[in-house]
């Protein structure tokens, strides 16, 4: 079970280059149900996610490069390209800052995963976090891949 809140980003944190970084490429075989393929650096996986916002089931299956490339032919969405920075926060939390590229250039989001819904409710975001978009379907990566950046 994944319990996660998602925010837009007001401004990038300082010293971004000091944090662990992943280069991610992902696409969707299906968005209902969500079936995602992702390459993160040299790791490959297929993920299935249930419906939901704050809390939803997520199952990941590791893939070989060959399996990933074979399944990639089934992707039925635009490809998402992003750099993810893992930024430590208080209480052993991690902010996963996504800087999007390509068609989603200029979009910045940040996600924080929690052990419980109660912990997510108590969370006070750092000042560089922007609007909470946890319950806004338009900012789910599957919808970004299909519809692009939301026009507010």
N, C-alpha and C. Protein backbone atom coordinates (compact mmCIF):
# COMPACT_ATOMS: atom_id res chain seq x y z
N UNK A 1 0.84 -1.18 0.00
CA UNK A 1 0.00 0.00 0.00
C UNK A 1 0.89 1.24 0.00
N UNK A 2 0.58 2.15 -0.87
CA UNK A 2 1.33 3.40 -0.99
C UNK A 2 0.48 4.54 -0.44
N UNK A 3 1.06 5.31 0.49
CA UNK A 3 0.39 6.49 1.04
C UNK A 3 1.30 7.66 0.73
N UNK A 4 0.82 8.55 -0.14
CA UNK A 4 1.71 9.57 -0.70
C UNK A 4 0.95 10.86 -0.97
N UNK A 5 1.61 11.98 -0.69
CA UNK A 5 1.05 13.29 -1.03
C UNK A 5 1.92 13.90 -2.12
N UNK A 6 1.27 14.65 -3.00
CA UNK A 6 1.95 15.25 -4.15
C UNK A 6 1.69 16.75 -4.17
N UNK A 7 2.74 17.50 -4.47
CA UNK A 7 2.68 18.96 -4.48
C UNK A 7 3.31 19.51 -5.74
N UNK A 8 2.89 20.71 -6.13
CA UNK A 8 3.64 21.48 -7.10
C UNK A 8 4.82 22.09 -6.34
N UNK A 9 5.74 22.69 -7.06
CA UNK A 9 6.95 23.24 -6.44
C UNK A 9 7.01 24.74 -6.69
N UNK A 10 7.15 25.52 -5.62
CA UNK A 10 7.26 26.98 -5.74
C UNK A 10 8.63 27.38 -6.28
N UNK A 11 9.65 26.72 -5.73
CA UNK A 11 11.02 27.02 -6.17
C UNK A 11 11.90 25.81 -5.85
N UNK A 12 12.94 25.66 -6.63
CA UNK A 12 13.86 24.54 -6.40
C UNK A 12 14.66 24.78 -5.12
N UNK A 13 14.89 23.72 -4.35
CA UNK A 13 15.71 23.89 -3.15
C UNK A 13 17.17 24.20 -3.54
N UNK A 14 17.88 24.81 -2.62
CA UNK A 14 19.29 25.14 -2.88
C UNK A 14 20.13 23.87 -2.93
N UNK A 15 21.26 23.97 -3.62
CA UNK A 15 22.25 22.88 -3.70
C UNK A 15 21.66 21.57 -4.22
N UNK A 16 20.80 21.68 -5.21
CA UNK A 16 20.14 20.50 -5.77
C UNK A 16 21.15 19.45 -6.23
N UNK A 17 22.28 19.90 -6.72
CA UNK A 17 23.31 18.99 -7.24
C UNK A 17 23.90 18.07 -6.16
N UNK A 18 23.66 18.36 -4.90
CA UNK A 18 24.22 17.55 -3.82
C UNK A 18 23.39 16.29 -3.53
N UNK A 19 22.17 16.22 -4.07
CA UNK A 19 21.27 15.12 -3.75
C UNK A 19 21.33 14.00 -4.78
N UNK A 20 20.98 12.79 -4.32
CA UNK A 20 20.91 11.63 -5.20
C UNK A 20 19.93 11.92 -6.33
N UNK A 21 20.32 11.54 -7.55
CA UNK A 21 19.52 11.86 -8.73
C UNK A 21 19.32 10.60 -9.58
N UNK A 22 18.10 10.44 -10.08
CA UNK A 22 17.78 9.36 -11.02
C UNK A 22 17.26 9.97 -12.31
N UNK A 23 17.62 9.39 -13.43
CA UNK A 23 17.05 9.79 -14.72
C UNK A 23 15.98 8.75 -15.05
N UNK A 24 14.76 9.20 -15.21
CA UNK A 24 13.62 8.31 -15.37
C UNK A 24 12.96 8.50 -16.73
N UNK A 25 12.64 7.36 -17.35
CA UNK A 25 11.84 7.32 -18.58
C UNK A 25 10.68 6.39 -18.26
N UNK A 26 9.45 6.85 -18.49
CA UNK A 26 8.32 5.97 -18.22
C UNK A 26 7.20 6.18 -19.22
N UNK A 27 6.45 5.10 -19.42
CA UNK A 27 5.30 5.12 -20.30
C UNK A 27 4.25 4.18 -19.76
N UNK A 28 3.05 4.27 -20.31
CA UNK A 28 1.91 3.52 -19.79
C UNK A 28 1.34 2.59 -20.84
N UNK A 29 1.23 1.32 -20.46
CA UNK A 29 0.57 0.33 -21.31
C UNK A 29 -0.93 0.52 -21.18
N UNK A 30 -1.38 0.95 -20.00
CA UNK A 30 -2.80 1.18 -19.72
C UNK A 30 -2.90 2.23 -18.63
N UNK A 31 -3.96 3.06 -18.69
CA UNK A 31 -4.19 3.99 -17.58
C UNK A 31 -5.44 3.60 -16.79
N UNK A 32 -6.14 2.54 -17.20
CA UNK A 32 -7.27 2.04 -16.43
C UNK A 32 -7.40 0.55 -16.64
N UNK A 33 -6.75 -0.29 -15.85
CA UNK A 33 -5.95 0.04 -14.69
C UNK A 33 -4.59 0.61 -15.10
N UNK A 34 -3.91 1.21 -14.14
CA UNK A 34 -2.60 1.79 -14.43
C UNK A 34 -1.56 0.69 -14.49
N UNK A 35 -0.95 0.56 -15.67
CA UNK A 35 0.16 -0.37 -15.88
C UNK A 35 1.29 0.45 -16.49
N UNK A 36 2.34 0.63 -15.70
CA UNK A 36 3.43 1.53 -16.07
C UNK A 36 4.73 0.77 -16.28
N UNK A 37 5.48 1.20 -17.30
CA UNK A 37 6.86 0.74 -17.50
C UNK A 37 7.78 1.89 -17.14
N UNK A 38 8.86 1.57 -16.40
CA UNK A 38 9.79 2.62 -16.01
C UNK A 38 11.23 2.12 -16.07
N UNK A 39 12.06 3.00 -16.63
CA UNK A 39 13.52 2.82 -16.58
C UNK A 39 14.03 3.93 -15.68
N UNK A 40 14.71 3.56 -14.60
CA UNK A 40 15.29 4.52 -13.68
C UNK A 40 16.77 4.21 -13.58
N UNK A 41 17.60 5.10 -14.19
CA UNK A 41 19.02 4.82 -14.37
C UNK A 41 19.14 3.49 -15.09
N UNK A 42 19.71 2.47 -14.45
CA UNK A 42 19.85 1.17 -15.12
C UNK A 42 18.90 0.11 -14.54
N UNK A 43 17.84 0.55 -13.90
CA UNK A 43 16.85 -0.37 -13.34
C UNK A 43 15.56 -0.28 -14.15
N UNK A 44 14.92 -1.45 -14.34
CA UNK A 44 13.72 -1.53 -15.16
C UNK A 44 12.61 -2.20 -14.34
N UNK A 45 11.38 -1.69 -14.46
CA UNK A 45 10.29 -2.34 -13.75
C UNK A 45 8.95 -2.09 -14.44
N UNK A 46 8.01 -2.97 -14.12
CA UNK A 46 6.62 -2.82 -14.51
C UNK A 46 5.85 -2.64 -13.21
N UNK A 47 4.97 -1.64 -13.19
CA UNK A 47 4.21 -1.33 -11.98
C UNK A 47 2.72 -1.33 -12.30
N UNK A 48 1.95 -1.91 -11.39
CA UNK A 48 0.50 -1.88 -11.49
C UNK A 48 -0.01 -1.12 -10.26
N UNK A 49 -0.86 -0.12 -10.50
CA UNK A 49 -1.40 0.70 -9.41
C UNK A 49 -2.92 0.65 -9.43
N UNK A 50 -3.50 0.63 -8.24
CA UNK A 50 -4.95 0.69 -8.13
C UNK A 50 -5.40 2.14 -8.24
N UNK A 51 -6.71 2.34 -8.32
CA UNK A 51 -7.26 3.70 -8.33
C UNK A 51 -7.09 4.28 -6.94
N UNK A 52 -7.12 5.60 -6.87
CA UNK A 52 -7.04 6.27 -5.58
C UNK A 52 -6.17 7.50 -5.67
N UNK A 53 -6.08 8.20 -4.57
CA UNK A 53 -5.30 9.44 -4.51
C UNK A 53 -4.22 9.30 -3.44
N UNK A 54 -4.58 9.60 -2.21
CA UNK A 54 -3.62 9.56 -1.11
C UNK A 54 -3.14 8.14 -0.84
N UNK A 55 -4.04 7.18 -0.92
CA UNK A 55 -3.71 5.80 -0.57
C UNK A 55 -4.15 4.87 -1.69
N UNK A 56 -3.21 4.05 -2.16
CA UNK A 56 -3.57 3.07 -3.19
C UNK A 56 -2.55 1.94 -3.22
N UNK A 57 -2.99 0.82 -3.77
CA UNK A 57 -2.11 -0.33 -3.87
C UNK A 57 -1.15 -0.15 -5.05
N UNK A 58 0.07 -0.63 -4.85
CA UNK A 58 1.08 -0.55 -5.90
C UNK A 58 1.91 -1.83 -5.84
N UNK A 59 2.05 -2.49 -6.98
CA UNK A 59 2.85 -3.70 -7.07
C UNK A 59 3.89 -3.49 -8.16
N UNK A 60 5.16 -3.71 -7.82
CA UNK A 60 6.25 -3.54 -8.79
C UNK A 60 6.89 -4.88 -9.11
N UNK A 61 7.21 -5.05 -10.40
CA UNK A 61 7.88 -6.25 -10.86
C UNK A 61 9.18 -5.84 -11.55
N UNK A 62 10.32 -6.31 -11.05
CA UNK A 62 11.58 -5.98 -11.74
C UNK A 62 11.63 -6.66 -13.11
N UNK A 63 12.25 -5.96 -14.05
CA UNK A 63 12.38 -6.48 -15.41
C UNK A 63 13.85 -6.44 -15.83
N UNK A 64 14.19 -7.28 -16.79
CA UNK A 64 15.50 -7.16 -17.44
C UNK A 64 15.37 -6.07 -18.51
N UNK A 65 16.48 -5.61 -19.00
CA UNK A 65 16.48 -4.61 -20.07
C UNK A 65 15.73 -5.17 -21.29
N UNK A 66 15.94 -6.43 -21.60
CA UNK A 66 15.30 -7.06 -22.76
C UNK A 66 13.78 -7.15 -22.57
N UNK A 67 13.33 -7.51 -21.37
CA UNK A 67 11.90 -7.56 -21.10
C UNK A 67 11.28 -6.17 -21.23
N UNK A 68 11.97 -5.17 -20.67
CA UNK A 68 11.50 -3.79 -20.74
C UNK A 68 11.35 -3.35 -22.20
N UNK A 69 12.38 -3.59 -23.00
CA UNK A 69 12.35 -3.17 -24.41
C UNK A 69 11.25 -3.88 -25.19
N UNK A 70 11.01 -5.15 -24.88
CA UNK A 70 9.94 -5.90 -25.54
C UNK A 70 8.56 -5.34 -25.15
N UNK A 71 8.37 -5.08 -23.86
CA UNK A 71 7.09 -4.54 -23.39
C UNK A 71 6.87 -3.10 -23.83
N UNK A 72 7.96 -2.36 -24.02
CA UNK A 72 7.83 -0.93 -24.38
C UNK A 72 7.02 -0.75 -25.67
N UNK A 73 7.04 -1.73 -26.54
CA UNK A 73 6.26 -1.64 -27.78
C UNK A 73 4.76 -1.55 -27.51
N UNK A 74 4.33 -1.91 -26.31
CA UNK A 74 2.92 -1.88 -25.93
C UNK A 74 2.50 -0.54 -25.32
N UNK A 75 3.47 0.37 -25.10
CA UNK A 75 3.15 1.66 -24.47
C UNK A 75 2.18 2.44 -25.34
N UNK A 76 1.12 2.93 -24.70
CA UNK A 76 0.04 3.61 -25.40
C UNK A 76 -0.14 5.03 -24.87
N UNK A 77 0.98 5.72 -24.66
CA UNK A 77 0.93 7.09 -24.15
C UNK A 77 2.21 7.81 -24.58
N UNK A 78 2.24 9.11 -24.32
CA UNK A 78 3.48 9.84 -24.52
C UNK A 78 4.48 9.39 -23.46
N UNK A 79 5.74 9.49 -23.78
CA UNK A 79 6.79 9.12 -22.84
C UNK A 79 7.04 10.28 -21.89
N UNK A 80 7.22 9.94 -20.61
CA UNK A 80 7.59 10.94 -19.61
C UNK A 80 9.08 10.83 -19.36
N UNK A 81 9.75 11.96 -19.44
CA UNK A 81 11.18 12.06 -19.13
C UNK A 81 11.31 12.99 -17.93
N UNK A 82 12.01 12.54 -16.89
CA UNK A 82 12.18 13.40 -15.73
C UNK A 82 13.45 13.03 -14.96
N UNK A 83 13.95 14.01 -14.26
CA UNK A 83 15.05 13.80 -13.32
C UNK A 83 14.42 13.82 -11.93
N UNK A 84 14.75 12.82 -11.12
CA UNK A 84 14.20 12.75 -9.76
C UNK A 84 15.34 12.93 -8.76
N UNK A 85 15.13 13.88 -7.88
CA UNK A 85 16.08 14.14 -6.80
C UNK A 85 15.45 13.66 -5.50
N UNK A 86 16.20 12.87 -4.73
CA UNK A 86 15.73 12.37 -3.45
C UNK A 86 16.32 13.24 -2.35
N UNK A 87 15.45 14.04 -1.72
CA UNK A 87 15.88 15.05 -0.77
C UNK A 87 15.40 14.67 0.63
N UNK A 88 16.34 14.43 1.55
CA UNK A 88 15.93 14.06 2.92
C UNK A 88 15.18 15.20 3.61
N UNK A 89 14.13 14.82 4.34
CA UNK A 89 13.34 15.75 5.14
C UNK A 89 13.38 15.31 6.60
N UNK A 90 12.75 16.07 7.47
CA UNK A 90 12.66 15.69 8.88
C UNK A 90 11.87 14.39 9.03
N UNK A 91 12.05 13.74 10.18
CA UNK A 91 11.31 12.51 10.53
C UNK A 91 11.54 11.37 9.55
N UNK A 92 12.75 11.29 9.02
CA UNK A 92 13.12 10.21 8.08
C UNK A 92 12.27 10.16 6.82
N UNK A 93 11.67 11.28 6.44
CA UNK A 93 10.91 11.34 5.20
C UNK A 93 11.83 11.77 4.06
N UNK A 94 11.40 11.46 2.84
CA UNK A 94 12.16 11.83 1.65
C UNK A 94 11.25 12.54 0.67
N UNK A 95 11.68 13.69 0.19
CA UNK A 95 10.96 14.40 -0.86
C UNK A 95 11.51 13.91 -2.19
N UNK A 96 10.64 13.38 -3.04
CA UNK A 96 11.03 12.96 -4.37
C UNK A 96 10.65 14.08 -5.33
N UNK A 97 11.64 14.90 -5.66
CA UNK A 97 11.43 16.06 -6.53
C UNK A 97 11.60 15.64 -7.98
N UNK A 98 10.55 15.83 -8.78
CA UNK A 98 10.60 15.49 -10.21
C UNK A 98 10.68 16.75 -11.05
N UNK A 99 11.75 16.82 -11.85
CA UNK A 99 11.95 17.90 -12.81
C UNK A 99 11.71 17.29 -14.18
N UNK A 100 10.60 17.68 -14.81
CA UNK A 100 10.18 17.06 -16.07
C UNK A 100 10.90 17.69 -17.26
N UNK A 101 11.03 16.89 -18.31
CA UNK A 101 11.69 17.32 -19.55
C UNK A 101 10.77 17.06 -20.74
N UNK A 102 11.22 17.45 -21.91
CA UNK A 102 10.45 17.18 -23.13
C UNK A 102 9.13 17.92 -23.14
N UNK A 103 8.03 17.20 -23.47
CA UNK A 103 6.70 17.80 -23.56
C UNK A 103 6.21 18.39 -22.24
N UNK A 104 6.80 17.95 -21.13
CA UNK A 104 6.36 18.42 -19.81
C UNK A 104 7.37 19.39 -19.19
N UNK A 105 8.26 19.92 -20.03
CA UNK A 105 9.27 20.90 -19.58
C UNK A 105 8.62 21.98 -18.73
N UNK A 106 9.30 22.41 -17.71
CA UNK A 106 8.86 23.46 -16.78
C UNK A 106 7.92 22.96 -15.69
N UNK A 107 7.48 21.70 -15.74
CA UNK A 107 6.66 21.17 -14.66
C UNK A 107 7.59 20.64 -13.56
N UNK A 108 7.27 20.99 -12.33
CA UNK A 108 8.01 20.52 -11.16
C UNK A 108 7.00 19.99 -10.16
N UNK A 109 7.18 18.74 -9.72
CA UNK A 109 6.32 18.19 -8.67
C UNK A 109 7.20 17.54 -7.61
N UNK A 110 6.63 17.35 -6.44
CA UNK A 110 7.35 16.68 -5.36
C UNK A 110 6.36 15.78 -4.62
N UNK A 111 6.80 14.56 -4.33
CA UNK A 111 5.98 13.59 -3.63
C UNK A 111 6.68 13.17 -2.34
N UNK A 112 5.88 12.90 -1.33
CA UNK A 112 6.40 12.38 -0.06
C UNK A 112 5.55 11.18 0.31
N UNK A 113 6.22 10.07 0.63
CA UNK A 113 5.54 8.84 0.99
C UNK A 113 5.54 8.70 2.52
N UNK A 114 4.42 8.20 3.05
CA UNK A 114 4.24 8.11 4.50
C UNK A 114 3.92 6.68 4.93
N UNK A 115 4.16 6.41 6.22
CA UNK A 115 3.86 5.09 6.78
C UNK A 115 2.37 4.93 7.07
N UNK A 116 1.67 6.06 7.28
CA UNK A 116 0.24 5.98 7.61
C UNK A 116 -0.47 7.24 7.12
N UNK A 117 -1.79 7.14 7.02
CA UNK A 117 -2.58 8.32 6.66
C UNK A 117 -2.45 9.40 7.74
N UNK A 118 -2.40 8.96 9.00
CA UNK A 118 -2.26 9.89 10.11
C UNK A 118 -0.96 10.70 9.98
N UNK A 119 0.12 10.02 9.63
CA UNK A 119 1.41 10.71 9.45
C UNK A 119 1.32 11.70 8.29
N UNK A 120 0.59 11.35 7.25
CA UNK A 120 0.45 12.26 6.10
C UNK A 120 -0.34 13.51 6.48
N UNK A 121 -1.32 13.35 7.37
CA UNK A 121 -2.13 14.48 7.82
C UNK A 121 -1.34 15.44 8.70
N UNK A 122 -0.38 14.91 9.45
CA UNK A 122 0.44 15.73 10.36
C UNK A 122 1.57 16.46 9.64
N UNK A 123 1.83 16.09 8.40
CA UNK A 123 2.98 16.61 7.66
C UNK A 123 2.84 18.10 7.37
N UNK A 124 3.90 18.84 7.68
CA UNK A 124 3.98 20.25 7.33
C UNK A 124 5.04 20.38 6.24
N UNK A 125 4.63 20.74 5.02
CA UNK A 125 5.60 20.79 3.92
C UNK A 125 6.61 21.93 4.08
N UNK A 126 7.83 21.72 3.59
CA UNK A 126 8.82 22.79 3.59
C UNK A 126 8.34 23.97 2.74
N UNK A 127 8.92 25.13 2.94
CA UNK A 127 8.43 26.34 2.25
C UNK A 127 8.65 26.32 0.74
N UNK A 128 9.50 25.43 0.23
CA UNK A 128 9.69 25.38 -1.22
C UNK A 128 8.60 24.55 -1.92
N UNK A 129 7.80 23.83 -1.15
CA UNK A 129 6.65 23.10 -1.70
C UNK A 129 5.58 24.12 -2.07
N UNK A 130 4.81 23.81 -3.12
CA UNK A 130 3.69 24.66 -3.52
C UNK A 130 2.38 24.00 -3.19
N UNK A 131 1.42 24.19 -4.07
CA UNK A 131 0.05 23.70 -3.89
C UNK A 131 0.00 22.18 -3.77
N UNK A 132 -0.83 21.68 -2.85
CA UNK A 132 -1.06 20.25 -2.69
C UNK A 132 -1.99 19.78 -3.82
N UNK A 133 -1.50 18.87 -4.67
CA UNK A 133 -2.30 18.36 -5.79
C UNK A 133 -2.57 16.86 -5.66
N UNK A 134 -2.47 16.37 -4.42
CA UNK A 134 -2.69 14.93 -4.16
C UNK A 134 -3.99 14.44 -4.76
N UNK A 135 -5.06 15.23 -4.63
CA UNK A 135 -6.38 14.78 -5.07
C UNK A 135 -6.77 15.33 -6.45
N UNK A 136 -5.81 15.90 -7.16
CA UNK A 136 -6.07 16.44 -8.49
C UNK A 136 -5.58 15.45 -9.54
N UNK A 137 -6.52 14.71 -10.14
CA UNK A 137 -6.17 13.67 -11.12
C UNK A 137 -5.29 14.17 -12.25
N UNK A 138 -5.38 15.44 -12.58
CA UNK A 138 -4.62 15.98 -13.72
C UNK A 138 -3.11 15.86 -13.50
N UNK A 139 -2.67 15.76 -12.25
CA UNK A 139 -1.24 15.69 -11.96
C UNK A 139 -0.73 14.28 -11.75
N UNK A 140 -1.59 13.28 -11.90
CA UNK A 140 -1.10 11.90 -11.88
C UNK A 140 -0.24 11.71 -13.13
N UNK A 141 0.89 11.02 -12.99
CA UNK A 141 1.78 10.83 -14.13
C UNK A 141 1.09 10.18 -15.31
N UNK A 142 0.16 9.25 -15.04
CA UNK A 142 -0.55 8.60 -16.15
C UNK A 142 -1.34 9.63 -16.95
N UNK A 143 -1.97 10.59 -16.29
CA UNK A 143 -2.72 11.63 -17.00
C UNK A 143 -1.79 12.65 -17.65
N UNK A 144 -0.67 12.94 -17.02
CA UNK A 144 0.32 13.83 -17.65
C UNK A 144 0.80 13.22 -18.97
N UNK A 145 0.99 11.89 -18.99
CA UNK A 145 1.46 11.22 -20.20
C UNK A 145 0.43 11.30 -21.33
N UNK A 146 -0.84 11.29 -20.97
CA UNK A 146 -1.90 11.31 -21.98
C UNK A 146 -2.30 12.75 -22.36
N UNK A 147 -2.48 13.62 -21.34
CA UNK A 147 -3.07 14.95 -21.58
C UNK A 147 -2.08 16.11 -21.48
N UNK A 148 -0.88 15.87 -21.00
CA UNK A 148 0.10 16.94 -20.87
C UNK A 148 -0.11 17.76 -19.60
N UNK A 149 0.57 18.91 -19.55
CA UNK A 149 0.51 19.79 -18.38
C UNK A 149 -0.88 20.39 -18.26
N UNK A 150 -1.49 20.30 -17.06
CA UNK A 150 -2.83 20.89 -16.87
C UNK A 150 -2.81 22.40 -17.11
N UNK A 151 -3.89 22.86 -17.72
CA UNK A 151 -4.07 24.31 -17.95
C UNK A 151 -4.99 24.80 -16.85
N UNK A 152 -4.44 25.50 -15.87
CA UNK A 152 -5.27 25.97 -14.75
C UNK A 152 -6.12 27.15 -15.13
